[in-house]
Structure formats: C-alpha cells, structure tokens
C-alpha cells in the first residue's frame, strides 16, 4: 500500500487494476488517501481508478476461465465459495452490480464470471455501472467537501451506496420480471394451439 501510494496517480491506477484481479485490499482505501491529499483532483482520481478497474476486469475474467475454481478455493472459505457460486448462478447481473460497489472484493466476481462462462461484455457493462457509482461517489464527496469528507466518508458513502444498491437492484428485478412476462405471453399461444381438440383458426 505504501509503495502504491508513493506512485500517486499511477499507483491508484495499478491498485484498481489488480483489485479486479487478485489484490486483497480494495482500491477504495488508496483513493480516499490520495483524495484527502488533493481534494481538487478527486474527480480525476476517481476516473483513474475507474479506468484501472475496467482494464483489470477482463484479466480477472481470464484467470477465472483458466483456473478460477482453484484460485477461489485458495482465497475463500468453502462455505463462502459455495454461497457466492449459488448467488451468481441465480442472479448473475445483480451479484455483479452489488459486488461492484460494496466492500466485497471485486476480484471474486470477475473470477467467478470466468468460471461460469458468463458473457464478458455483460460483466464489463455491469461492472462499469457499479464501479462508476463507487469511485465517483468518493470523488464527488471530496471535491465538494474537501478534506472534511474524510471524516464523513463512512456515513455518507454508506447511505449513497445503499440507496444506489436499492435502486439498481429494484430496476434489475423489474427488467427481469418484464422479460419473464413477455416470455410467458409468447409461449401461451403455442400451448393453446397444442391442446387436444384445438384447431387453428382457418384463414
């Protein structure tokens, strides 16, 4: 952490990139540290962190495809690994969105995505939404409140992320519900026509 902090902007970029691959400490902490030193550059620092994360996401995904189960078994307890896998299988998009802006290590989701052969473009898309919320929420707080944001970051950021999480998850469930309803409606005519004694309407 001290070495990455000494590199400044480059250190944050590298930290955010390896955070999506294997590094155990979230880039969130280095972003706060550098933003507190230069609040006027907080938005720029958020952009650097965001870009680094997006670059690291496909690398974490590739690790998942190559040997993800082995890697995750090394860094997670078995019960956590099973729970994360089950959650991802049932709610892949929601899991990525929530994981992208919560304290849960993001590398878990990039690696699991590779393990499950989840579409890479979807992973990057949902990661971009979630990570943008997290990086820019911190950047905006420091840009507006300066160094005082360091004292309020835990409380305010928790509220911001919670509200964002509820909104995104709600929107996601609505979209999924609409898709399921459309699928059922599309299948209904086929079921009716397949019933015994039902003759299709003559032209």
C-alpha atoms as a PDB file:
ATOM      1  CA  UNK A   1       0.000   0.000   0.000  1.00  0.00           C
ATOM      2  CA  UNK A   2       2.793   2.438   0.867  1.00  0.00           C
ATOM      3  CA  UNK A   3       4.563   1.663  -2.398  1.00  0.00           C
ATOM      4  CA  UNK A   4       1.391   2.205  -4.432  1.00  0.00           C
ATOM      5  CA  UNK A   5       0.635   5.425  -2.533  1.00  0.00           C
ATOM      6  CA  UNK A   6       4.125   6.734  -3.333  1.00  0.00           C
ATOM      7  CA  UNK A   7       3.356   6.329  -7.056  1.00  0.00           C
ATOM      8  CA  UNK A   8       0.389   8.699  -6.842  1.00  0.00           C
ATOM      9  CA  UNK A   9      -1.949   8.546  -9.847  1.00  0.00           C
ATOM     10  CA  UNK A  10      -0.120   5.603 -11.390  1.00  0.00           C
ATOM     11  CA  UNK A  11      -0.311   3.752  -8.078  1.00  0.00           C
ATOM     12  CA  UNK A  12      -4.078   4.220  -7.903  1.00  0.00           C
ATOM     13  CA  UNK A  13      -4.456   3.010 -11.490  1.00  0.00           C
ATOM     14  CA  UNK A  14      -2.379  -0.099 -10.760  1.00  0.00           C
ATOM     15  CA  UNK A  15      -4.176  -0.722  -7.472  1.00  0.00           C
ATOM     16  CA  UNK A  16      -7.601  -0.503  -9.109  1.00  0.00           C
ATOM     17  CA  UNK A  17      -6.475  -2.833 -11.880  1.00  0.00           C
ATOM     18  CA  UNK A  18      -5.070  -5.550  -9.616  1.00  0.00           C
ATOM     19  CA  UNK A  19      -8.027  -5.108  -7.244  1.00  0.00           C
ATOM     20  CA  UNK A  20     -10.135  -6.656 -10.036  1.00  0.00           C
ATOM     21  CA  UNK A  21      -7.622  -9.483 -10.439  1.00  0.00           C
ATOM     22  CA  UNK A  22      -6.109 -10.747  -7.189  1.00  0.00           C
ATOM     23  CA  UNK A  23      -5.070  -7.951  -4.760  1.00  0.00           C
ATOM     24  CA  UNK A  24      -6.765  -8.396  -1.351  1.00  0.00           C
ATOM     25  CA  UNK A  25      -7.066  -4.690  -0.394  1.00  0.00           C
ATOM     26  CA  UNK A  26      -9.736  -2.653  -2.281  1.00  0.00           C
ATOM     27  CA  UNK A  27      -8.530   0.395  -4.252  1.00  0.00           C
ATOM     28  CA  UNK A  28     -11.189   2.352  -2.334  1.00  0.00           C
ATOM     29  CA  UNK A  29      -8.690   2.929   0.515  1.00  0.00           C
ATOM     30  CA  UNK A  30      -5.953   4.332  -1.690  1.00  0.00           C
ATOM     31  CA  UNK A  31      -8.476   6.546  -3.486  1.00  0.00           C
ATOM     32  CA  UNK A  32      -9.547   8.059  -0.152  1.00  0.00           C
ATOM     33  CA  UNK A  33      -5.937   8.611   0.904  1.00  0.00           C
ATOM     34  CA  UNK A  34      -4.964  10.394  -2.323  1.00  0.00           C
ATOM     35  CA  UNK A  35      -8.230  12.369  -2.490  1.00  0.00           C
ATOM     36  CA  UNK A  36      -7.660  13.663   1.036  1.00  0.00           C
ATOM     37  CA  UNK A  37      -4.252  14.982  -0.053  1.00  0.00           C
ATOM     38  CA  UNK A  38      -5.635  16.678  -3.189  1.00  0.00           C
ATOM     39  CA  UNK A  39      -9.427  17.213  -2.963  1.00  0.00           C
ATOM     40  CA  UNK A  40      -9.372  19.434  -6.064  1.00  0.00           C
ATOM     41  CA  UNK A  41      -8.214  16.382  -8.066  1.00  0.00           C
ATOM     42  CA  UNK A  42     -10.718  13.972  -6.541  1.00  0.00           C
ATOM     43  CA  UNK A  43     -12.832  13.610  -9.712  1.00  0.00           C
ATOM     44  CA  UNK A  44      -9.712  12.945 -11.766  1.00  0.00           C
ATOM     45  CA  UNK A  45      -8.551  10.338  -9.249  1.00  0.00           C
ATOM     46  CA  UNK A  46     -11.966   8.659  -9.442  1.00  0.00           C
ATOM     47  CA  UNK A  47     -11.589   8.499 -13.231  1.00  0.00           C
ATOM     48  CA  UNK A  48      -8.135   6.934 -12.925  1.00  0.00           C
ATOM     49  CA  UNK A  49      -9.398   4.306 -10.501  1.00  0.00           C
ATOM     50  CA  UNK A  50     -12.427   3.563 -12.663  1.00  0.00           C
ATOM     51  CA  UNK A  51     -10.267   3.109 -15.783  1.00  0.00           C
ATOM     52  CA  UNK A  52      -7.843   0.821 -13.946  1.00  0.00           C
ATOM     53  CA  UNK A  53     -10.689  -1.343 -12.689  1.00  0.00           C
ATOM     54  CA  UNK A  54     -12.194  -1.750 -16.161  1.00  0.00           C
ATOM     55  CA  UNK A  55      -8.802  -2.741 -17.539  1.00  0.00           C
ATOM     56  CA  UNK A  56      -8.321  -5.345 -14.812  1.00  0.00           C
ATOM     57  CA  UNK A  57     -11.805  -6.846 -15.158  1.00  0.00           C
ATOM     58  CA  UNK A  58     -11.139  -8.932 -18.309  1.00  0.00           C
ATOM     59  CA  UNK A  59      -7.834 -10.125 -16.811  1.00  0.00           C
ATOM     60  CA  UNK A  60      -9.639 -11.420 -13.709  1.00  0.00           C
ATOM     61  CA  UNK A  61     -12.190 -12.996 -16.040  1.00  0.00           C
ATOM     62  CA  UNK A  62      -9.410 -14.773 -17.983  1.00  0.00           C
ATOM     63  CA  UNK A  63      -7.967 -16.130 -14.729  1.00  0.00           C
ATOM     64  CA  UNK A  64     -11.420 -17.448 -13.879  1.00  0.00           C
ATOM     65  CA  UNK A  65     -11.710 -19.254 -17.200  1.00  0.00           C
ATOM     66  CA  UNK A  66      -8.234 -20.754 -16.876  1.00  0.00           C
ATOM     67  CA  UNK A  67      -8.163 -21.868 -13.231  1.00  0.00           C
ATOM     68  CA  UNK A  68     -10.825 -19.937 -11.346  1.00  0.00           C
ATOM     69  CA  UNK A  69     -12.064 -22.748  -9.113  1.00  0.00           C
ATOM     70  CA  UNK A  70      -8.530 -23.386  -7.863  1.00  0.00           C
ATOM     71  CA  UNK A  71      -7.900 -19.683  -7.186  1.00  0.00           C
ATOM     72  CA  UNK A  72     -11.218 -19.108  -5.386  1.00  0.00           C
ATOM     73  CA  UNK A  73     -10.750 -22.190  -3.222  1.00  0.00           C
ATOM     74  CA  UNK A  74      -7.451 -20.679  -2.100  1.00  0.00           C
ATOM     75  CA  UNK A  75      -8.840 -17.242  -1.161  1.00  0.00           C
ATOM     76  CA  UNK A  76     -12.330 -18.173   0.102  1.00  0.00           C
ATOM     77  CA  UNK A  77     -13.678 -20.498   2.744  1.00  0.00           C
ATOM     78  CA  UNK A  78     -15.637 -23.364   1.173  1.00  0.00           C
ATOM     79  CA  UNK A  79     -18.988 -22.156   2.535  1.00  0.00           C
ATOM     80  CA  UNK A  80     -18.376 -18.647   1.153  1.00  0.00           C
ATOM     81  CA  UNK A  81     -17.304 -20.093  -2.182  1.00  0.00           C
ATOM     82  CA  UNK A  82     -20.457 -22.242  -2.388  1.00  0.00           C
ATOM     83  CA  UNK A  83     -22.688 -19.319  -1.362  1.00  0.00           C
ATOM     84  CA  UNK A  84     -21.073 -16.934  -3.870  1.00  0.00           C
ATOM     85  CA  UNK A  85     -21.347 -19.528  -6.653  1.00  0.00           C
ATOM     86  CA  UNK A  86     -25.011 -20.195  -5.870  1.00  0.00           C
ATOM     87  CA  UNK A  87     -25.827 -16.467  -5.771  1.00  0.00           C
ATOM     88  CA  UNK A  88     -24.077 -15.882  -9.064  1.00  0.00           C
ATOM     89  CA  UNK A  89     -25.846 -18.781 -10.787  1.00  0.00           C
ATOM     90  CA  UNK A  90     -29.267 -17.473  -9.715  1.00  0.00           C
ATOM     91  CA  UNK A  91     -28.722 -13.716 -10.018  1.00  0.00           C
ATOM     92  CA  UNK A  92     -25.573 -13.090 -12.068  1.00  0.00           C
ATOM     93  CA  UNK A  93     -26.281  -9.484 -13.057  1.00  0.00           C
ATOM     94  CA  UNK A  94     -27.486  -8.449  -9.604  1.00  0.00           C
ATOM     95  CA  UNK A  95     -24.472 -10.122  -7.968  1.00  0.00           C
ATOM     96  CA  UNK A  96     -22.059  -8.182 -10.190  1.00  0.00           C
ATOM     97  CA  UNK A  97     -23.853  -4.867  -9.690  1.00  0.00           C
ATOM     98  CA  UNK A  98     -23.998  -5.249  -5.916  1.00  0.00           C
ATOM     99  CA  UNK A  99     -20.441  -6.556  -5.671  1.00  0.00           C
ATOM    100  CA  UNK A 100     -19.097  -3.748  -7.826  1.00  0.00           C
ATOM    101  CA  UNK A 101     -19.871  -1.011  -5.301  1.00  0.00           C
ATOM    102  CA  UNK A 102     -19.822  -2.806  -1.944  1.00  0.00           C
ATOM    103  CA  UNK A 103     -16.786  -3.694   0.229  1.00  0.00           C
ATOM    104  CA  UNK A 104     -16.904  -7.283  -1.127  1.00  0.00           C
ATOM    105  CA  UNK A 105     -13.616  -7.864  -3.021  1.00  0.00           C
ATOM    106  CA  UNK A 106     -14.469  -7.309  -6.679  1.00  0.00           C
ATOM    107  CA  UNK A 107     -11.997  -9.941  -7.873  1.00  0.00           C
ATOM    108  CA  UNK A 108     -14.373 -12.631  -6.568  1.00  0.00           C
ATOM    109  CA  UNK A 109     -16.970 -11.585  -9.145  1.00  0.00           C
ATOM    110  CA  UNK A 110     -14.554 -11.237 -12.058  1.00  0.00           C
ATOM    111  CA  UNK A 111     -13.095 -14.690 -11.376  1.00  0.00           C
ATOM    112  CA  UNK A 112     -16.473 -16.362 -10.810  1.00  0.00           C
ATOM    113  CA  UNK A 113     -17.705 -14.822 -14.079  1.00  0.00           C
ATOM    114  CA  UNK A 114     -14.887 -16.597 -15.890  1.00  0.00           C
ATOM    115  CA  UNK A 115     -15.581 -19.857 -14.052  1.00  0.00           C
ATOM    116  CA  UNK A 116     -19.259 -19.745 -15.041  1.00  0.00           C
ATOM    117  CA  UNK A 117     -18.545 -18.701 -18.645  1.00  0.00           C
ATOM    118  CA  UNK A 118     -20.630 -15.595 -18.058  1.00  0.00           C
ATOM    119  CA  UNK A 119     -20.538 -13.275 -21.113  1.00  0.00           C
ATOM    120  CA  UNK A 120     -17.555 -10.956 -20.791  1.00  0.00           C
ATOM    121  CA  UNK A 121     -19.371  -7.997 -22.338  1.00  0.00           C
ATOM    122  CA  UNK A 122     -22.093  -8.281 -19.693  1.00  0.00           C
ATOM    123  CA  UNK A 123     -19.510  -8.458 -16.906  1.00  0.00           C
ATOM    124  CA  UNK A 124     -17.763  -5.311 -18.155  1.00  0.00           C
ATOM    125  CA  UNK A 125     -21.074  -3.481 -18.657  1.00  0.00           C
ATOM    126  CA  UNK A 126     -22.425  -4.194 -15.175  1.00  0.00           C
ATOM    127  CA  UNK A 127     -19.004  -3.671 -13.591  1.00  0.00           C
ATOM    128  CA  UNK A 128     -18.784  -0.260 -15.284  1.00  0.00           C
ATOM    129  CA  UNK A 129     -22.099   0.819 -13.734  1.00  0.00           C
ATOM    130  CA  UNK A 130     -21.300  -0.408 -10.240  1.00  0.00           C
ATOM    131  CA  UNK A 131     -17.682   0.743 -10.117  1.00  0.00           C
ATOM    132  CA  UNK A 132     -18.576   4.166 -11.521  1.00  0.00           C
ATOM    133  CA  UNK A 133     -21.020   4.664  -8.665  1.00  0.00           C
ATOM    134  CA  UNK A 134     -18.413   3.742  -6.070  1.00  0.00           C
ATOM    135  CA  UNK A 135     -15.423   5.643  -7.466  1.00  0.00           C
ATOM    136  CA  UNK A 136     -17.311   8.804  -8.362  1.00  0.00           C
ATOM    137  CA  UNK A 137     -19.316   8.881  -5.112  1.00  0.00           C
ATOM    138  CA  UNK A 138     -15.997   9.160  -3.252  1.00  0.00           C
ATOM    139  CA  UNK A 139     -14.594  11.628  -5.792  1.00  0.00           C
ATOM    140  CA  UNK A 140     -17.600  13.946  -5.631  1.00  0.00           C
ATOM    141  CA  UNK A 141     -17.647  13.941  -1.816  1.00  0.00           C
ATOM    142  CA  UNK A 142     -14.004  15.020  -1.629  1.00  0.00           C
ATOM    143  CA  UNK A 143     -14.386  17.536  -4.454  1.00  0.00           C
ATOM    144  CA  UNK A 144     -17.325  19.222  -2.689  1.00  0.00           C
ATOM    145  CA  UNK A 145     -16.297  18.973   0.971  1.00  0.00           C
ATOM    146  CA  UNK A 146     -12.514  18.826   0.677  1.00  0.00           C
ATOM    147  CA  UNK A 147     -10.567  17.088   3.422  1.00  0.00           C
ATOM    148  CA  UNK A 148     -13.610  17.218   5.688  1.00  0.00           C
ATOM    149  CA  UNK A 149     -15.037  14.407   3.535  1.00  0.00           C
ATOM    150  CA  UNK A 150     -12.552  12.021   5.140  1.00  0.00           C
ATOM    151  CA  UNK A 151     -14.450  12.331   8.438  1.00  0.00           C
ATOM    152  CA  UNK A 152     -17.857  11.814   6.853  1.00  0.00           C
ATOM    153  CA  UNK A 153     -16.951   9.275   4.182  1.00  0.00           C
ATOM    154  CA  UNK A 154     -18.108   6.184   6.094  1.00  0.00           C
ATOM    155  CA  UNK A 155     -21.518   7.577   6.998  1.00  0.00           C
ATOM    156  CA  UNK A 156     -22.357   9.442   3.791  1.00  0.00           C
ATOM    157  CA  UNK A 157     -20.900   6.865   1.432  1.00  0.00           C
ATOM    158  CA  UNK A 158     -22.763   4.066   3.168  1.00  0.00           C
ATOM    159  CA  UNK A 159     -26.046   5.916   2.568  1.00  0.00           C
ATOM    160  CA  UNK A 160     -25.163   6.722  -1.059  1.00  0.00           C
ATOM    161  CA  UNK A 161     -24.184   3.138  -1.825  1.00  0.00           C
ATOM    162  CA  UNK A 162     -27.216   1.735  -0.034  1.00  0.00           C
ATOM    163  CA  UNK A 163     -29.615   3.960  -1.993  1.00  0.00           C
ATOM    164  CA  UNK A 164     -27.810   3.180  -5.246  1.00  0.00           C
ATOM    165  CA  UNK A 165     -27.890  -0.520  -4.445  1.00  0.00           C
ATOM    166  CA  UNK A 166     -31.621  -0.500  -3.742  1.00  0.00           C
ATOM    167  CA  UNK A 167     -32.368   1.466  -6.932  1.00  0.00           C
ATOM    168  CA  UNK A 168     -30.204  -0.679  -9.185  1.00  0.00           C
ATOM    169  CA  UNK A 169     -31.449  -3.937  -7.706  1.00  0.00           C
ATOM    170  CA  UNK A 170     -35.051  -2.741  -7.990  1.00  0.00           C
ATOM    171  CA  UNK A 171     -34.595  -1.744 -11.629  1.00  0.00           C
ATOM    172  CA  UNK A 172     -32.919  -5.072 -12.358  1.00  0.00           C
ATOM    173  CA  UNK A 173     -35.787  -7.070 -10.847  1.00  0.00           C
ATOM    174  CA  UNK A 174     -38.347  -5.020 -12.790  1.00  0.00           C
ATOM    175  CA  UNK A 175     -36.496  -5.683 -16.043  1.00  0.00           C
ATOM    176  CA  UNK A 176     -36.271  -9.404 -15.269  1.00  0.00           C
ATOM    177  CA  UNK A 177     -39.978  -9.543 -14.408  1.00  0.00           C
ATOM    178  CA  UNK A 178     -40.927  -7.807 -17.662  1.00  0.00           C
ATOM    179  CA  UNK A 179     -38.773 -10.233 -19.659  1.00  0.00           C
ATOM    180  CA  UNK A 180     -40.339 -13.254 -17.931  1.00  0.00           C
ATOM    181  CA  UNK A 181     -43.848 -11.912 -18.563  1.00  0.00           C
ATOM    182  CA  UNK A 182     -43.078 -11.417 -22.249  1.00  0.00           C
ATOM    183  CA  UNK A 183     -41.707 -14.959 -22.491  1.00  0.00           C
ATOM    184  CA  UNK A 184     -44.843 -16.390 -20.851  1.00  0.00           C
ATOM    185  CA  UNK A 185     -47.066 -14.372 -23.169  1.00  0.00           C
ATOM    186  CA  UNK A 186     -45.123 -15.573 -26.191  1.00  0.00           C
ATOM    187  CA  UNK A 187     -45.438 -19.191 -25.055  1.00  0.00           C
ATOM    188  CA  UNK A 188     -49.165 -19.021 -24.248  1.00  0.00           C
ATOM    189  CA  UNK A 189     -50.465 -19.174 -27.872  1.00  0.00           C
ATOM    190  CA  UNK A 190     -48.224 -22.160 -28.551  1.00  0.00           C
ATOM    191  CA  UNK A 191     -49.632 -24.002 -25.532  1.00  0.00           C
ATOM    192  CA  UNK A 192     -53.225 -23.261 -26.560  1.00  0.00           C
ATOM    193  CA  UNK A 193     -52.699 -24.472 -30.114  1.00  0.00           C
ATOM    194  CA  UNK A 194     -51.054 -27.649 -28.823  1.00  0.00           C
ATOM    195  CA  UNK A 195     -54.065 -28.629 -26.652  1.00  0.00           C
ATOM    196  CA  UNK A 196     -56.075 -31.675 -27.882  1.00  0.00           C
ATOM    197  CA  UNK A 197     -59.181 -30.751 -29.887  1.00  0.00           C
ATOM    198  CA  UNK A 198     -57.973 -27.206 -30.561  1.00  0.00           C
ATOM    199  CA  UNK A 199     -57.998 -26.396 -34.237  1.00  0.00           C
ATOM    200  CA  UNK A 200     -56.121 -23.384 -35.516  1.00  0.00           C
ATOM    201  CA  UNK A 201     -58.321 -20.686 -36.957  1.00  0.00           C
ATOM    202  CA  UNK A 202     -58.905 -21.050 -40.696  1.00  0.00           C
ATOM    203  CA  UNK A 203     -57.531 -18.395 -42.955  1.00  0.00           C
END
